Amino acid sequence: MFSFPSAILMEKEDLNHLLEVRRIMEVGAAAAAAKNRTTEDLEKMKQALEEMKQANGIEELGEKSDLNFHLAVAAASQNPLLVNLLLNVSDIMQEAMKETRRLWLFSKKQRQNACMRSI
């Protein structure tokens, strides 16, 4: 398992593996949450999504609300082991999400600049 400082120094292959683990966890957590969620769980997920909308362009707030959403989904699964697993890897996942957003935003700017040059 990676320690938090090594998350910054991860190889591309490590990042791909982490993102694969994240996808697997998210799909499984969502399936379990769909079966086991309470009304309160659903409200927490809605609140986290609203926070994500409000964080538009505010990177740190966006990361926090994104993590809060994933934690709310995991909690809605009613599986404490899943919640603990997510908490144990959250530092690495947050760093990966931050890097993914940074790369996506950079890519988006590059596409916009290319579009403007072609016009």
Protein backbone atom coordinates (compact mmCIF):
# COMPACT_ATOMS: atom_id res chain seq x y z
CA MET A 1 0.00 0.00 0.00
CA PHE A 2 1.19 3.54 -0.77
CA SER A 3 1.82 6.08 1.91
CA PHE A 4 0.45 9.55 1.24
CA PRO A 5 3.80 11.14 0.27
CA SER A 6 4.44 8.42 -2.31
CA ALA A 7 1.09 9.19 -3.96
CA ILE A 8 2.64 12.33 -5.38
CA LEU A 9 5.50 10.31 -6.87
CA MET A 10 3.37 7.52 -8.34
CA GLU A 11 4.20 6.20 -11.77
CA LYS A 12 1.60 6.45 -14.52
CA GLU A 13 0.92 2.71 -14.20
CA ASP A 14 0.31 3.14 -10.46
CA LEU A 15 -2.16 5.93 -11.16
CA ASN A 16 -3.95 3.73 -13.68
CA HIS A 17 -4.15 0.94 -11.09
CA LEU A 18 -5.45 3.35 -8.46
CA LEU A 19 -8.10 4.67 -10.83
CA GLU A 20 -9.12 1.10 -11.63
CA VAL A 21 -9.46 0.36 -7.90
CA ARG A 22 -11.45 3.56 -7.51
CA ARG A 23 -13.83 2.57 -10.32
CA ILE A 24 -14.30 -0.90 -8.84
CA MET A 25 -14.98 0.54 -5.39
CA GLU A 26 -17.36 3.19 -6.72
CA VAL A 27 -19.40 0.74 -8.79
CA GLY A 28 -19.63 -1.74 -5.91
CA ALA A 29 -20.44 0.98 -3.40
CA ALA A 30 -23.13 2.42 -5.68
CA ALA A 31 -24.71 -1.00 -6.18
CA ALA A 32 -24.74 -1.67 -2.43
CA ALA A 33 -26.01 1.85 -1.72
CA ALA A 34 -28.86 1.40 -4.19
CA LYS A 35 -30.00 -1.67 -2.24
CA ASN A 36 -29.34 -0.49 1.31
CA ARG A 37 -29.64 3.29 1.43
CA THR A 38 -31.89 5.14 3.80
CA THR A 39 -33.70 8.40 3.14
CA GLU A 40 -31.06 10.13 5.28
CA ASP A 41 -28.29 8.59 3.16
CA LEU A 42 -29.96 9.85 0.00
CA GLU A 43 -30.16 13.36 1.45
CA LYS A 44 -26.44 13.29 2.31
CA MET A 45 -25.61 12.27 -1.26
CA LYS A 46 -27.84 15.04 -2.66
CA GLN A 47 -26.19 17.55 -0.34
CA ALA A 48 -22.73 16.48 -1.49
CA LEU A 49 -23.77 16.82 -5.12
CA GLU A 50 -25.12 20.30 -4.44
CA GLU A 51 -21.82 21.22 -2.77
CA MET A 52 -20.02 20.00 -5.90
CA LYS A 53 -22.17 22.31 -8.04
CA GLN A 54 -21.45 25.23 -5.69
CA ALA A 55 -17.72 24.50 -5.86
CA ASN A 56 -17.64 25.20 -9.59
CA GLY A 57 -14.09 26.40 -10.20
CA ILE A 58 -12.99 26.27 -6.55
CA GLU A 59 -10.59 23.34 -6.68
CA GLU A 60 -10.16 22.63 -2.96
CA LEU A 61 -13.89 22.83 -2.28
CA GLY A 62 -14.57 20.65 -5.31
CA GLU A 63 -12.18 17.99 -4.06
CA LYS A 64 -13.72 18.03 -0.59
CA SER A 65 -17.27 17.77 -1.89
CA ASP A 66 -16.26 15.03 -4.34
CA LEU A 67 -14.79 13.00 -1.48
CA ASN A 68 -17.84 13.72 0.67
CA PHE A 69 -20.06 12.34 -2.08
CA HIS A 70 -18.04 9.13 -2.34
CA LEU A 71 -18.05 8.76 1.45
CA ALA A 72 -21.82 9.30 1.50
CA VAL A 73 -22.29 6.60 -1.13
CA ALA A 74 -20.03 4.22 0.81
CA ALA A 75 -21.92 4.96 4.02
CA ALA A 76 -25.21 4.32 2.23
CA SER A 77 -23.96 0.82 1.43
CA GLN A 78 -24.34 0.08 5.16
CA ASN A 79 -21.01 -1.77 4.94
CA PRO A 80 -18.60 -0.40 7.55
CA LEU A 81 -15.67 -2.26 5.96
CA LEU A 82 -16.25 -0.43 2.70
CA VAL A 83 -16.38 2.90 4.51
CA ASN A 84 -13.14 2.09 6.35
CA LEU A 85 -11.45 0.98 3.13
CA LEU A 86 -12.44 4.21 1.44
CA LEU A 87 -11.20 6.24 4.40
CA ASN A 88 -7.88 4.36 4.36
CA VAL A 89 -7.23 5.20 0.73
CA SER A 90 -8.87 8.63 0.69
CA ASP A 91 -5.60 10.56 0.89
CA ILE A 92 -4.27 8.75 -2.16
CA MET A 93 -7.58 9.08 -3.96
CA GLN A 94 -7.77 12.80 -3.19
CA GLU A 95 -4.31 13.32 -4.62
CA ALA A 96 -5.25 11.30 -7.70
CA MET A 97 -8.53 13.23 -8.14
CA LYS A 98 -6.64 16.51 -7.80
CA GLU A 99 -4.13 15.43 -10.43
CA THR A 100 -6.87 14.09 -12.72
CA ARG A 101 -8.76 17.41 -12.49
CA ARG A 102 -5.56 19.37 -13.11
CA LEU A 103 -4.77 17.29 -16.20
CA TRP A 104 -8.35 17.54 -17.45
CA LEU A 105 -8.41 21.32 -17.01
CA PHE A 106 -5.03 21.61 -18.76
CA SER A 107 -6.30 19.42 -21.61
CA LYS A 108 -9.49 21.48 -21.83
CA LYS A 109 -7.48 24.71 -22.07
CA GLN A 110 -5.27 23.16 -24.75
CA ARG A 111 -8.37 22.15 -26.79
CA GLN A 112 -9.86 25.64 -26.37
CA ASN A 113 -6.61 27.27 -27.47
CA ALA A 114 -6.40 24.96 -30.50
CA CYS A 115 -9.99 25.80 -31.38
CA MET A 116 -9.27 29.53 -31.15
CA ARG A 117 -6.16 29.17 -33.31
CA SER A 118 -8.13 27.29 -35.96
CA ILE A 119 -10.75 30.04 -36.05
